[in-house]
Amino acid sequence: MDLFGVHEQALYLRSQRGELLSSNIFNAATPNFKARDLDVGANLQAMAEKGPLARTQGSHFANALEASGDPEFRVPVEPSLDGNTVDLAYEQVQFSQNAVQYRATLSFLNARISNIRRALRGE
């Protein structure tokens, strides 16, 4: 029984994406740094199509997160002379949007956990 649905995977993927975007922002002035990003929607779709991973032993954790794809390099709109592909303003916007979406997913999970707790207490 899956209590949290796709939100568990979404939270994990948004966390990974946040790390990639923060790395891009941190390396905005690093020569030849290539910006990377993770398409959360495409990865969630791929996970839904593949379904949960099979467990060979009962002691293994059920984890569909391993089905997620690798980060992709971002194609720059206007490449810099030093080979860096980070567009700082774009990265900051993407980071902010990802943070809002992460927080929304976290809020949903918190509400779901609160409902489960109330049900267990018989409220």
PDB file of N, CA and C in Angstrom:
ATOM      1  N   MET A   1       0.848  -1.179   0.000  1.00  0.00           N
ATOM      2  CA  MET A   1       0.000   0.000   0.000  1.00  0.00           C
ATOM      3  C   MET A   1       0.890   1.237   0.000  1.00  0.00           C
ATOM      4  N   ASP A   2       0.629   2.127  -0.943  1.00  0.00           N
ATOM      5  CA  ASP A   2       1.438   3.325  -1.094  1.00  0.00           C
ATOM      6  C   ASP A   2       0.700   4.513  -0.484  1.00  0.00           C
ATOM      7  N   LEU A   3       1.101   4.916   0.714  1.00  0.00           N
ATOM      8  CA  LEU A   3       0.401   5.986   1.420  1.00  0.00           C
ATOM      9  C   LEU A   3       0.661   7.369   0.848  1.00  0.00           C
ATOM     10  N   PHE A   4       1.826   7.562   0.271  1.00  0.00           N
ATOM     11  CA  PHE A   4       2.211   8.904  -0.136  1.00  0.00           C
ATOM     12  C   PHE A   4       2.190   9.123  -1.642  1.00  0.00           C
ATOM     13  N   GLY A   5       1.920   8.090  -2.406  1.00  0.00           N
ATOM     14  CA  GLY A   5       1.812   8.229  -3.849  1.00  0.00           C
ATOM     15  C   GLY A   5       3.094   8.731  -4.483  1.00  0.00           C
ATOM     16  N   VAL A   6       2.943   9.559  -5.471  1.00  0.00           N
ATOM     17  CA  VAL A   6       4.064  10.070  -6.247  1.00  0.00           C
ATOM     18  C   VAL A   6       4.841  11.154  -5.496  1.00  0.00           C
ATOM     19  N   HIS A   7       4.272  11.645  -4.414  1.00  0.00           N
ATOM     20  CA  HIS A   7       4.885  12.770  -3.711  1.00  0.00           C
ATOM     21  C   HIS A   7       6.222  12.422  -3.060  1.00  0.00           C
ATOM     22  N   GLU A   8       6.381  11.184  -2.658  1.00  0.00           N
ATOM     23  CA  GLU A   8       7.668  10.761  -2.088  1.00  0.00           C
ATOM     24  C   GLU A   8       8.775  10.884  -3.137  1.00  0.00           C
ATOM     25  N   GLN A   9       8.502  10.390  -4.345  1.00  0.00           N
ATOM     26  CA  GLN A   9       9.487  10.473  -5.422  1.00  0.00           C
ATOM     27  C   GLN A   9       9.695  11.919  -5.863  1.00  0.00           C
ATOM     28  N   ALA A  10       8.606  12.692  -5.908  1.00  0.00           N
ATOM     29  CA  ALA A  10       8.711  14.094  -6.315  1.00  0.00           C
ATOM     30  C   ALA A  10       9.598  14.877  -5.353  1.00  0.00           C
ATOM     31  N   LEU A  11       9.446  14.615  -4.067  1.00  0.00           N
ATOM     32  CA  LEU A  11      10.263  15.304  -3.070  1.00  0.00           C
ATOM     33  C   LEU A  11      11.744  14.975  -3.263  1.00  0.00           C
ATOM     34  N   TYR A  12      12.027  13.716  -3.489  1.00  0.00           N
ATOM     35  CA  TYR A  12      13.412  13.289  -3.713  1.00  0.00           C
ATOM     36  C   TYR A  12      13.990  13.942  -4.969  1.00  0.00           C
ATOM     37  N   LEU A  13      13.240  13.923  -6.063  1.00  0.00           N
ATOM     38  CA  LEU A  13      13.726  14.502  -7.318  1.00  0.00           C
ATOM     39  C   LEU A  13      13.893  16.018  -7.211  1.00  0.00           C
ATOM     40  N   ARG A  14      12.969  16.680  -6.525  1.00  0.00           N
ATOM     41  CA  ARG A  14      13.101  18.133  -6.346  1.00  0.00           C
ATOM     42  C   ARG A  14      14.334  18.461  -5.496  1.00  0.00           C
ATOM     43  N   SER A  15      14.632  17.607  -4.533  1.00  0.00           N
ATOM     44  CA  SER A  15      15.836  17.790  -3.728  1.00  0.00           C
ATOM     45  C   SER A  15      17.084  17.666  -4.601  1.00  0.00           C
ATOM     46  N   GLN A  16      17.104  16.641  -5.451  1.00  0.00           N
ATOM     47  CA  GLN A  16      18.240  16.472  -6.370  1.00  0.00           C
ATOM     48  C   GLN A  16      18.371  17.668  -7.303  1.00  0.00           C
ATOM     49  N   ARG A  17      17.230  18.137  -7.823  1.00  0.00           N
ATOM     50  CA  ARG A  17      17.257  19.277  -8.745  1.00  0.00           C
ATOM     51  C   ARG A  17      17.756  20.526  -8.033  1.00  0.00           C
ATOM     52  N   GLY A  18      17.343  20.727  -6.792  1.00  0.00           N
ATOM     53  CA  GLY A  18      17.814  21.876  -6.022  1.00  0.00           C
ATOM     54  C   GLY A  18      19.323  21.867  -5.855  1.00  0.00           C
ATOM     55  N   GLU A  19      19.884  20.681  -5.616  1.00  0.00           N
ATOM     56  CA  GLU A  19      21.341  20.569  -5.495  1.00  0.00           C
ATOM     57  C   GLU A  19      22.035  20.913  -6.813  1.00  0.00           C
ATOM     58  N   LEU A  20      21.484  20.444  -7.928  1.00  0.00           N
ATOM     59  CA  LEU A  20      22.070  20.760  -9.231  1.00  0.00           C
ATOM     60  C   LEU A  20      22.009  22.255  -9.523  1.00  0.00           C
ATOM     61  N   LEU A  21      20.848  22.861  -9.267  1.00  0.00           N
ATOM     62  CA  LEU A  21      20.694  24.290  -9.542  1.00  0.00           C
ATOM     63  C   LEU A  21      21.597  25.133  -8.650  1.00  0.00           C
ATOM     64  N   SER A  22      21.726  24.749  -7.389  1.00  0.00           N
ATOM     65  CA  SER A  22      22.619  25.507  -6.504  1.00  0.00           C
ATOM     66  C   SER A  22      24.075  25.352  -6.946  1.00  0.00           C
ATOM     67  N   SER A  23      24.428  24.186  -7.447  1.00  0.00           N
ATOM     68  CA  SER A  23      25.775  23.984  -7.988  1.00  0.00           C
ATOM     69  C   SER A  23      26.007  24.871  -9.210  1.00  0.00           C
ATOM     70  N   ASN A  24      24.979  24.970 -10.055  1.00  0.00           N
ATOM     71  CA  ASN A  24      25.093  25.842 -11.228  1.00  0.00           C
ATOM     72  C   ASN A  24      25.320  27.289 -10.809  1.00  0.00           C
ATOM     73  N   ILE A  25      24.544  27.758  -9.828  1.00  0.00           N
ATOM     74  CA  ILE A  25      24.673  29.131  -9.349  1.00  0.00           C
ATOM     75  C   ILE A  25      26.050  29.349  -8.732  1.00  0.00           C
ATOM     76  N   PHE A  26      26.495  28.399  -7.933  1.00  0.00           N
ATOM     77  CA  PHE A  26      27.799  28.500  -7.276  1.00  0.00           C
ATOM     78  C   PHE A  26      28.927  28.596  -8.296  1.00  0.00           C
ATOM     79  N   ASN A  27      28.803  27.894  -9.418  1.00  0.00           N
ATOM     80  CA  ASN A  27      29.857  27.852 -10.429  1.00  0.00           C
ATOM     81  C   ASN A  27      29.618  28.801 -11.603  1.00  0.00           C
ATOM     82  N   ALA A  28      28.825  29.831 -11.400  1.00  0.00           N
ATOM     83  CA  ALA A  28      28.500  30.762 -12.483  1.00  0.00           C
ATOM     84  C   ALA A  28      29.735  31.459 -13.064  1.00  0.00           C
ATOM     85  N   ALA A  29      30.783  31.582 -12.289  1.00  0.00           N
ATOM     86  CA  ALA A  29      31.993  32.250 -12.766  1.00  0.00           C
ATOM     87  C   ALA A  29      33.137  31.279 -13.052  1.00  0.00           C
ATOM     88  N   THR A  30      32.865  29.992 -13.027  1.00  0.00           N
ATOM     89  CA  THR A  30      33.901  28.987 -13.256  1.00  0.00           C
ATOM     90  C   THR A  30      34.059  28.738 -14.755  1.00  0.00           C
ATOM     91  N   PRO A  31      35.249  28.966 -15.302  1.00  0.00           N
ATOM     92  CA  PRO A  31      35.438  28.729 -16.734  1.00  0.00           C
ATOM     93  C   PRO A  31      35.147  27.276 -17.117  1.00  0.00           C
ATOM     94  N   ASN A  32      34.497  27.100 -18.251  1.00  0.00           N
ATOM     95  CA  ASN A  32      34.156  25.798 -18.828  1.00  0.00           C
ATOM     96  C   ASN A  32      33.179  24.965 -18.000  1.00  0.00           C
ATOM     97  N   PHE A  33      32.532  25.563 -17.012  1.00  0.00           N
ATOM     98  CA  PHE A  33      31.525  24.818 -16.248  1.00  0.00           C
ATOM     99  C   PHE A  33      30.273  24.671 -17.098  1.00  0.00           C
ATOM    100  N   LYS A  34      29.723  23.483 -17.119  1.00  0.00           N
ATOM    101  CA  LYS A  34      28.519  23.190 -17.905  1.00  0.00           C
ATOM    102  C   LYS A  34      27.329  23.039 -16.963  1.00  0.00           C
ATOM    103  N   ALA A  35      26.339  23.897 -17.127  1.00  0.00           N
ATOM    104  CA  ALA A  35      25.142  23.860 -16.291  1.00  0.00           C
ATOM    105  C   ALA A  35      24.357  22.582 -16.567  1.00  0.00           C
ATOM    106  N   ARG A  36      23.826  22.004 -15.477  1.00  0.00           N
ATOM    107  CA  ARG A  36      23.024  20.779 -15.596  1.00  0.00           C
ATOM    108  C   ARG A  36      21.676  20.993 -14.921  1.00  0.00           C
ATOM    109  N   ASP A  37      20.702  20.218 -15.350  1.00  0.00           N
ATOM    110  CA  ASP A  37      19.367  20.304 -14.777  1.00  0.00           C
ATOM    111  C   ASP A  37      18.715  18.934 -14.825  1.00  0.00           C
ATOM    112  N   LEU A  38      17.666  18.778 -14.056  1.00  0.00           N
ATOM    113  CA  LEU A  38      16.932  17.524 -13.970  1.00  0.00           C
ATOM    114  C   LEU A  38      15.470  17.829 -14.264  1.00  0.00           C
ATOM    115  N   ASP A  39      14.903  17.123 -15.219  1.00  0.00           N
ATOM    116  CA  ASP A  39      13.493  17.302 -15.572  1.00  0.00           C
ATOM    117  C   ASP A  39      12.653  16.420 -14.645  1.00  0.00           C
ATOM    118  N   VAL A  40      12.095  17.035 -13.612  1.00  0.00           N
ATOM    119  CA  VAL A  40      11.346  16.297 -12.600  1.00  0.00           C
ATOM    120  C   VAL A  40      10.115  15.640 -13.216  1.00  0.00           C
ATOM    121  N   GLY A  41       9.392  16.369 -14.040  1.00  0.00           N
ATOM    122  CA  GLY A  41       8.183  15.826 -14.659  1.00  0.00           C
ATOM    123  C   GLY A  41       8.458  14.607 -15.515  1.00  0.00           C
ATOM    124  N   ALA A  42       9.489  14.679 -16.340  1.00  0.00           N
ATOM    125  CA  ALA A  42       9.843  13.543 -17.206  1.00  0.00           C
ATOM    126  C   ALA A  42      10.284  12.342 -16.380  1.00  0.00           C
ATOM    127  N   ASN A  43      11.018  12.598 -15.306  1.00  0.00           N
ATOM    128  CA  ASN A  43      11.468  11.500 -14.438  1.00  0.00           C
ATOM    129  C   ASN A  43      10.304  10.851 -13.709  1.00  0.00           C
ATOM    130  N   LEU A  44       9.347  11.659 -13.248  1.00  0.00           N
ATOM    131  CA  LEU A  44       8.169  11.095 -12.586  1.00  0.00           C
ATOM    132  C   LEU A  44       7.346  10.270 -13.577  1.00  0.00           C
ATOM    133  N   GLN A  45       7.248  10.755 -14.804  1.00  0.00           N
ATOM    134  CA  GLN A  45       6.522  10.010 -15.838  1.00  0.00           C
ATOM    135  C   GLN A  45       7.210   8.674 -16.125  1.00  0.00           C
ATOM    136  N   ALA A  46       8.538   8.705 -16.215  1.00  0.00           N
ATOM    137  CA  ALA A  46       9.289   7.470 -16.464  1.00  0.00           C
ATOM    138  C   ALA A  46       9.105   6.480 -15.321  1.00  0.00           C
ATOM    139  N   MET A  47       9.081   6.980 -14.082  1.00  0.00           N
ATOM    140  CA  MET A  47       8.870   6.111 -12.928  1.00  0.00           C
ATOM    141  C   MET A  47       7.479   5.498 -12.956  1.00  0.00           C
ATOM    142  N   ALA A  48       6.496   6.293 -13.369  1.00  0.00           N
ATOM    143  CA  ALA A  48       5.122   5.786 -13.430  1.00  0.00           C
ATOM    144  C   ALA A  48       4.994   4.687 -14.483  1.00  0.00           C
ATOM    145  N   GLU A  49       5.706   4.838 -15.589  1.00  0.00           N
ATOM    146  CA  GLU A  49       5.642   3.840 -16.654  1.00  0.00           C
ATOM    147  C   GLU A  49       6.372   2.559 -16.274  1.00  0.00           C
ATOM    148  N   LYS A  50       7.494   2.684 -15.560  1.00  0.00           N
ATOM    149  CA  LYS A  50       8.277   1.510 -15.171  1.00  0.00           C
ATOM    150  C   LYS A  50       7.662   0.787 -13.987  1.00  0.00           C
ATOM    151  N   GLY A  51       6.973   1.516 -13.138  1.00  0.00           N
ATOM    152  CA  GLY A  51       6.389   0.918 -11.948  1.00  0.00           C
ATOM    153  C   GLY A  51       7.444   0.719 -10.880  1.00  0.00           C
ATOM    154  N   PRO A  52       7.041   0.177  -9.741  1.00  0.00           N
ATOM    155  CA  PRO A  52       8.007  -0.037  -8.660  1.00  0.00           C
ATOM    156  C   PRO A  52       9.028  -1.101  -9.037  1.00  0.00           C
ATOM    157  N   LEU A  53      10.217  -0.941  -8.511  1.00  0.00           N
ATOM    158  CA  LEU A  53      11.276  -1.904  -8.763  1.00  0.00           C
ATOM    159  C   LEU A  53      11.017  -3.195  -7.994  1.00  0.00           C
ATOM    160  N   ALA A  54      11.401  -4.299  -8.590  1.00  0.00           N
ATOM    161  CA  ALA A  54      11.218  -5.599  -7.928  1.00  0.00           C
ATOM    162  C   ALA A  54      12.256  -5.757  -6.824  1.00  0.00           C
ATOM    163  N   ARG A  55      11.833  -6.338  -5.694  1.00  0.00           N
ATOM    164  CA  ARG A  55      12.748  -6.605  -4.589  1.00  0.00           C
ATOM    165  C   ARG A  55      13.065  -8.092  -4.606  1.00  0.00           C
ATOM    166  N   THR A  56      14.347  -8.412  -4.525  1.00  0.00           N
ATOM    167  CA  THR A  56      14.755  -9.817  -4.547  1.00  0.00           C
ATOM    168  C   THR A  56      14.722 -10.447  -3.170  1.00  0.00           C
ATOM    169  N   GLN A  57      14.742  -9.608  -2.121  1.00  0.00           N
ATOM    170  CA  GLN A  57      14.652 -10.105  -0.749  1.00  0.00           C
ATOM    171  C   GLN A  57      13.712  -9.204   0.034  1.00  0.00           C
ATOM    172  N   GLY A  58      13.064  -9.761   1.009  1.00  0.00           N
ATOM    173  CA  GLY A  58      12.118  -9.003   1.812  1.00  0.00           C
ATOM    174  C   GLY A  58      12.763  -7.890   2.618  1.00  0.00           C
ATOM    175  N   SER A  59      14.076  -7.992   2.882  1.00  0.00           N
ATOM    176  CA  SER A  59      14.748  -6.979   3.677  1.00  0.00           C
ATOM    177  C   SER A  59      15.155  -5.756   2.862  1.00  0.00           C
ATOM    178  N   HIS A  60      15.005  -5.825   1.541  1.00  0.00           N
ATOM    179  CA  HIS A  60      15.349  -4.677   0.698  1.00  0.00           C
ATOM    180  C   HIS A  60      14.261  -3.615   0.798  1.00  0.00           C
ATOM    181  N   PHE A  61      14.678  -2.361   0.729  1.00  0.00           N
ATOM    182  CA  PHE A  61      13.718  -1.267   0.741  1.00  0.00           C
ATOM    183  C   PHE A  61      13.049  -1.167  -0.621  1.00  0.00           C
ATOM    184  N   ALA A  62      11.755  -0.907  -0.629  1.00  0.00           N
ATOM    185  CA  ALA A  62      11.052  -0.636  -1.882  1.00  0.00           C
ATOM    186  C   ALA A  62      11.423   0.779  -2.288  1.00  0.00           C
ATOM    187  N   ASN A  63      11.991   0.942  -3.471  1.00  0.00           N
ATOM    188  CA  ASN A  63      12.492   2.242  -3.863  1.00  0.00           C
ATOM    189  C   ASN A  63      12.402   2.418  -5.371  1.00  0.00           C
ATOM    190  N   ALA A  64      11.473   3.226  -5.804  1.00  0.00           N
ATOM    191  CA  ALA A  64      11.343   3.514  -7.235  1.00  0.00           C
ATOM    192  C   ALA A  64      12.259   4.663  -7.647  1.00  0.00           C
ATOM    193  N   LEU A  65      12.953   5.263  -6.693  1.00  0.00           N
ATOM    194  CA  LEU A  65      13.775   6.425  -7.002  1.00  0.00           C
ATOM    195  C   LEU A  65      14.980   6.080  -7.867  1.00  0.00           C
ATOM    196  N   GLU A  66      15.426   4.841  -7.818  1.00  0.00           N
ATOM    197  CA  GLU A  66      16.570   4.447  -8.613  1.00  0.00           C
ATOM    198  C   GLU A  66      16.263   4.481 -10.102  1.00  0.00           C
ATOM    199  N   ALA A  67      14.994   4.561 -10.459  1.00  0.00           N
ATOM    200  CA  ALA A  67      14.606   4.602 -11.862  1.00  0.00           C
ATOM    201  C   ALA A  67      14.762   5.996 -12.453  1.00  0.00           C
ATOM    202  N   SER A  68      15.114   6.971 -11.629  1.00  0.00           N
ATOM    203  CA  SER A  68      15.210   8.333 -12.137  1.00  0.00           C
ATOM    204  C   SER A  68      16.364   8.476 -13.110  1.00  0.00           C
ATOM    205  N   GLY A  69      16.213   9.412 -14.027  1.00  0.00           N
ATOM    206  CA  GLY A  69      17.210   9.622 -15.054  1.00  0.00           C
ATOM    207  C   GLY A  69      18.368  10.465 -14.572  1.00  0.00           C
ATOM    208  N   ASP A  70      19.358  10.554 -15.409  1.00  0.00           N
ATOM    209  CA  ASP A  70      20.529  11.362 -15.098  1.00  0.00           C
ATOM    210  C   ASP A  70      20.260  12.819 -15.445  1.00  0.00           C
ATOM    211  N   PRO A  71      20.947  13.727 -14.755  1.00  0.00           N
ATOM    212  CA  PRO A  71      20.827  15.141 -15.107  1.00  0.00           C
ATOM    213  C   PRO A  71      21.354  15.370 -16.526  1.00  0.00           C
ATOM    214  N   GLU A  72      20.771  16.345 -17.169  1.00  0.00           N
ATOM    215  CA  GLU A  72      21.188  16.677 -18.527  1.00  0.00           C
ATOM    216  C   GLU A  72      21.882  18.028 -18.524  1.00  0.00           C
ATOM    217  N   PHE A  73      22.798  18.192 -19.468  1.00  0.00           N
ATOM    218  CA  PHE A  73      23.462  19.472 -19.615  1.00  0.00           C
ATOM    219  C   PHE A  73      22.511  20.448 -20.284  1.00  0.00           C
ATOM    220  N   ARG A  74      22.517  21.666 -19.807  1.00  0.00           N
ATOM    221  CA  ARG A  74      21.641  22.700 -20.345  1.00  0.00           C
ATOM    222  C   ARG A  74      22.292  23.342 -21.566  1.00  0.00           C
ATOM    223  N   VAL A  75      21.504  23.547 -22.590  1.00  0.00           N
ATOM    224  CA  VAL A  75      21.987  24.225 -23.799  1.00  0.00           C
ATOM    225  C   VAL A  75      21.864  25.728 -23.560  1.00  0.00           C
ATOM    226  N   PRO A  76      22.983  26.462 -23.638  1.00  0.00           N
ATOM    227  CA  PRO A  76      22.926  27.890 -23.332  1.00  0.00           C
ATOM    228  C   PRO A  76      22.244  28.688 -24.449  1.00  0.00           C
ATOM    229  N   VAL A  77      21.529  29.726 -24.050  1.00  0.00           N
ATOM    230  CA  VAL A  77      20.909  30.626 -25.023  1.00  0.00           C
ATOM    231  C   VAL A  77      21.989  31.476 -25.669  1.00  0.00           C
ATOM    232  N   GLU A  78      22.904  31.938 -24.834  1.00  0.00           N
ATOM    233  CA  GLU A  78      24.019  32.747 -25.315  1.00  0.00           C
ATOM    234  C   GLU A  78      25.285  32.289 -24.589  1.00  0.00           C
ATOM    235  N   PRO A  79      26.093  31.447 -25.239  1.00  0.00           N
ATOM    236  CA  PRO A  79      27.287  30.931 -24.564  1.00  0.00           C
ATOM    237  C   PRO A  79      28.293  32.042 -24.248  1.00  0.00           C
ATOM    238  N   SER A  80      29.010  31.866 -23.153  1.00  0.00           N
ATOM    239  CA  SER A  80      30.010  32.859 -22.766  1.00  0.00           C
ATOM    240  C   SER A  80      31.345  32.547 -23.438  1.00  0.00           C
ATOM    241  N   LEU A  81      32.239  33.507 -23.407  1.00  0.00           N
ATOM    242  CA  LEU A  81      33.552  33.346 -24.049  1.00  0.00           C
ATOM    243  C   LEU A  81      34.429  32.332 -23.322  1.00  0.00           C
ATOM    244  N   ASP A  82      34.195  32.145 -22.018  1.00  0.00           N
ATOM    245  CA  ASP A  82      35.032  31.214 -21.247  1.00  0.00           C
ATOM    246  C   ASP A  82      34.483  29.789 -21.241  1.00  0.00           C
ATOM    247  N   GLY A  83      33.418  29.520 -21.989  1.00  0.00           N
ATOM    248  CA  GLY A  83      32.874  28.174 -22.080  1.00  0.00           C
ATOM    249  C   GLY A  83      31.868  27.818 -21.006  1.00  0.00           C
ATOM    250  N   ASN A  84      31.571  28.748 -20.098  1.00  0.00           N
ATOM    251  CA  ASN A  84      30.601  28.504 -19.036  1.00  0.00           C
ATOM    252  C   ASN A  84      29.196  28.634 -19.617  1.00  0.00           C
ATOM    253  N   THR A  85      28.315  27.680 -19.282  1.00  0.00           N
ATOM    254  CA  THR A  85      26.953  27.705 -19.828  1.00  0.00           C
ATOM    255  C   THR A  85      25.896  28.135 -18.811  1.00  0.00           C
ATOM    256  N   VAL A  86      26.318  28.698 -17.684  1.00  0.00           N
ATOM    257  CA  VAL A  86      25.379  29.117 -16.642  1.00  0.00           C
ATOM    258  C   VAL A  86      24.838  30.507 -16.954  1.00  0.00           C
ATOM    259  N   ASP A  87      23.510  30.633 -17.010  1.00  0.00           N
ATOM    260  CA  ASP A  87      22.830  31.922 -17.091  1.00  0.00           C
ATOM    261  C   ASP A  87      22.319  32.198 -15.682  1.00  0.00           C
ATOM    262  N   LEU A  88      23.006  33.053 -14.953  1.00  0.00           N
ATOM    263  CA  LEU A  88      22.750  33.235 -13.530  1.00  0.00           C
ATOM    264  C   LEU A  88      21.301  33.621 -13.239  1.00  0.00           C
ATOM    265  N   ALA A  89      20.743  34.548 -13.990  1.00  0.00           N
ATOM    266  CA  ALA A  89      19.360  34.967 -13.740  1.00  0.00           C
ATOM    267  C   ALA A  89      18.394  33.801 -13.953  1.00  0.00           C
ATOM    268  N   TYR A  90      18.594  33.041 -15.011  1.00  0.00           N
ATOM    269  CA  TYR A  90      17.735  31.885 -15.294  1.00  0.00           C
ATOM    270  C   TYR A  90      17.853  30.839 -14.191  1.00  0.00           C
ATOM    271  N   GLU A  91      19.075  30.577 -13.750  1.00  0.00           N
ATOM    272  CA  GLU A  91      19.296  29.586 -12.685  1.00  0.00           C
ATOM    273  C   GLU A  91      18.610  30.009 -11.393  1.00  0.00           C
ATOM    274  N   GLN A  92      18.674  31.299 -11.072  1.00  0.00           N
ATOM    275  CA  GLN A  92      18.047  31.782  -9.846  1.00  0.00           C
ATOM    276  C   GLN A  92      16.529  31.638  -9.898  1.00  0.00           C
ATOM    277  N   VAL A  93      15.946  31.911 -11.062  1.00  0.00           N
ATOM    278  CA  VAL A  93      14.502  31.742 -11.225  1.00  0.00           C
ATOM    279  C   VAL A  93      14.129  30.268 -11.092  1.00  0.00           C
ATOM    280  N   GLN A  94      14.890  29.392 -11.743  1.00  0.00           N
ATOM    281  CA  GLN A  94      14.616  27.959 -11.669  1.00  0.00           C
ATOM    282  C   GLN A  94      14.769  27.449 -10.241  1.00  0.00           C
ATOM    283  N   PHE A  95      15.773  27.935  -9.532  1.00  0.00           N
ATOM    284  CA  PHE A  95      15.985  27.528  -8.148  1.00  0.00           C
ATOM    285  C   PHE A  95      14.797  27.947  -7.280  1.00  0.00           C
ATOM    286  N   SER A  96      14.319  29.184  -7.469  1.00  0.00           N
ATOM    287  CA  SER A  96      13.175  29.676  -6.691  1.00  0.00           C
ATOM    288  C   SER A  96      11.918  28.870  -6.985  1.00  0.00           C
ATOM    289  N   GLN A  97      11.657  28.599  -8.251  1.00  0.00           N
ATOM    290  CA  GLN A  97      10.484  27.802  -8.620  1.00  0.00           C
ATOM    291  C   GLN A  97      10.574  26.400  -8.034  1.00  0.00           C
ATOM    292  N   ASN A  98      11.747  25.802  -8.109  1.00  0.00           N
ATOM    293  CA  ASN A  98      11.935  24.464  -7.559  1.00  0.00           C
ATOM    294  C   ASN A  98      11.713  24.468  -6.043  1.00  0.00           C
ATOM    295  N   ALA A  99      12.187  25.516  -5.366  1.00  0.00           N
ATOM    296  CA  ALA A  99      12.015  25.612  -3.915  1.00  0.00           C
ATOM    297  C   ALA A  99      10.532  25.709  -3.548  1.00  0.00           C
ATOM    298  N   VAL A 100       9.768  26.470  -4.326  1.00  0.00           N
ATOM    299  CA  VAL A 100       8.332  26.594  -4.072  1.00  0.00           C
ATOM    300  C   VAL A 100       7.644  25.251  -4.295  1.00  0.00           C
ATOM    301  N   GLN A 101       8.002  24.551  -5.357  1.00  0.00           N
ATOM    302  CA  GLN A 101       7.404  23.253  -5.653  1.00  0.00           C
ATOM    303  C   GLN A 101       7.813  22.208  -4.613  1.00  0.00           C
ATOM    304  N   TYR A 102       9.045  22.275  -4.142  1.00  0.00           N
ATOM    305  CA  TYR A 102       9.504  21.376  -3.077  1.00  0.00           C
ATOM    306  C   TYR A 102       8.669  21.606  -1.820  1.00  0.00           C
ATOM    307  N   ARG A 103       8.488  22.866  -1.470  1.00  0.00           N
ATOM    308  CA  ARG A 103       7.729  23.214  -0.267  1.00  0.00           C
ATOM    309  C   ARG A 103       6.267  22.761  -0.393  1.00  0.00           C
ATOM    310  N   ALA A 104       5.684  22.902  -1.581  1.00  0.00           N
ATOM    311  CA  ALA A 104       4.303  22.463  -1.791  1.00  0.00           C
ATOM    312  C   ALA A 104       4.186  20.953  -1.615  1.00  0.00           C
ATOM    313  N   THR A 105       5.136  20.219  -2.151  1.00  0.00           N
ATOM    314  CA  THR A 105       5.126  18.763  -1.999  1.00  0.00           C
ATOM    315  C   THR A 105       5.302  18.379  -0.539  1.00  0.00           C
ATOM    316  N   LEU A 106       6.192  19.066   0.145  1.00  0.00           N
ATOM    317  CA  LEU A 106       6.414  18.809   1.568  1.00  0.00           C
ATOM    318  C   LEU A 106       5.161  19.107   2.392  1.00  0.00           C
ATOM    319  N   SER A 107       4.471  20.175   2.054  1.00  0.00           N
ATOM    320  CA  SER A 107       3.224  20.519   2.757  1.00  0.00           C
ATOM    321  C   SER A 107       2.166  19.445   2.548  1.00  0.00           C
ATOM    322  N   PHE A 108       2.076  18.930   1.324  1.00  0.00           N
ATOM    323  CA  PHE A 108       1.118  17.859   1.059  1.00  0.00           C
ATOM    324  C   PHE A 108       1.441  16.629   1.906  1.00  0.00           C
ATOM    325  N   LEU A 109       2.723  16.264   1.940  1.00  0.00           N
ATOM    326  CA  LEU A 109       3.119  15.098   2.729  1.00  0.00           C
ATOM    327  C   LEU A 109       2.852  15.311   4.216  1.00  0.00           C
ATOM    328  N   ASN A 110       3.111  16.511   4.713  1.00  0.00           N
ATOM    329  CA  ASN A 110       2.832  16.808   6.122  1.00  0.00           C
ATOM    330  C   ASN A 110       1.343  16.687   6.426  1.00  0.00           C
ATOM    331  N   ALA A 111       0.500  17.170   5.519  1.00  0.00           N
ATOM    332  CA  ALA A 111      -0.944  17.063   5.704  1.00  0.00           C
ATOM    333  C   ALA A 111      -1.374  15.599   5.686  1.00  0.00           C
ATOM    334  N   ARG A 112      -0.785  14.823   4.806  1.00  0.00           N
ATOM    335  CA  ARG A 112      -1.125  13.395   4.714  1.00  0.00           C
ATOM    336  C   ARG A 112      -0.725  12.672   6.010  1.00  0.00           C
ATOM    337  N   ILE A 113       0.446  12.980   6.529  1.00  0.00           N
ATOM    338  CA  ILE A 113       0.904  12.364   7.780  1.00  0.00           C
ATOM    339  C   ILE A 113      -0.005  12.773   8.940  1.00  0.00           C
ATOM    340  N   SER A 114      -0.427  14.037   8.967  1.00  0.00           N
ATOM    341  CA  SER A 114      -1.347  14.492  10.023  1.00  0.00           C
ATOM    342  C   SER A 114      -2.667  13.745   9.957  1.00  0.00           C
ATOM    343  N   ASN A 115      -3.177  13.515   8.740  1.00  0.00           N
ATOM    344  CA  ASN A 115      -4.425  12.758   8.579  1.00  0.00           C
ATOM    345  C   ASN A 115      -4.268  11.329   9.070  1.00  0.00           C
ATOM    346  N   ILE A 116      -3.136  10.722   8.790  1.00  0.00           N
ATOM    347  CA  ILE A 116      -2.887   9.350   9.239  1.00  0.00           C
ATOM    348  C   ILE A 116      -2.813   9.299  10.759  1.00  0.00           C
ATOM    349  N   ARG A 117      -2.136  10.274  11.361  1.00  0.00           N
ATOM    350  CA  ARG A 117      -2.049  10.324  12.829  1.00  0.00           C
ATOM    351  C   ARG A 117      -3.431  10.472  13.462  1.00  0.00           C
ATOM    352  N   ARG A 118      -4.267  11.358  12.894  1.00  0.00           N
ATOM    353  CA  ARG A 118      -5.622  11.539  13.423  1.00  0.00           C
ATOM    354  C   ARG A 118      -6.436  10.254  13.292  1.00  0.00           C
ATOM    355  N   ALA A 119      -6.257   9.573  12.173  1.00  0.00           N
ATOM    356  CA  ALA A 119      -6.997   8.315  11.980  1.00  0.00           C
ATOM    357  C   ALA A 119      -6.557   7.260  12.996  1.00  0.00           C
ATOM    358  N   LEU A 120      -5.281   7.224  13.289  1.00  0.00           N
ATOM    359  CA  LEU A 120      -4.772   6.252  14.263  1.00  0.00           C
ATOM    360  C   LEU A 120      -5.255   6.552  15.678  1.00  0.00           C
ATOM    361  N   ARG A 121      -5.435   7.834  15.969  1.00  0.00           N
ATOM    362  CA  ARG A 121      -5.940   8.229  17.298  1.00  0.00           C
ATOM    363  C   ARG A 121      -7.448   8.120  17.386  1.00  0.00           C
ATOM    364  N   GLY A 122      -8.104   7.878  16.244  1.00  0.00           N
ATOM    365  CA  GLY A 122      -9.553   7.728  16.234  1.00  0.00           C
ATOM    366  C   GLY A 122     -10.295   9.039  16.228  1.00  0.00           C
ATOM    367  N   GLU A 123      -9.703  10.087  15.752  1.00  0.00           N
ATOM    368  CA  GLU A 123     -10.365  11.414  15.738  1.00  0.00           C
ATOM    369  C   GLU A 123     -11.214  11.572  14.497  1.00  0.00           C
TER     370      GLU A 123
END
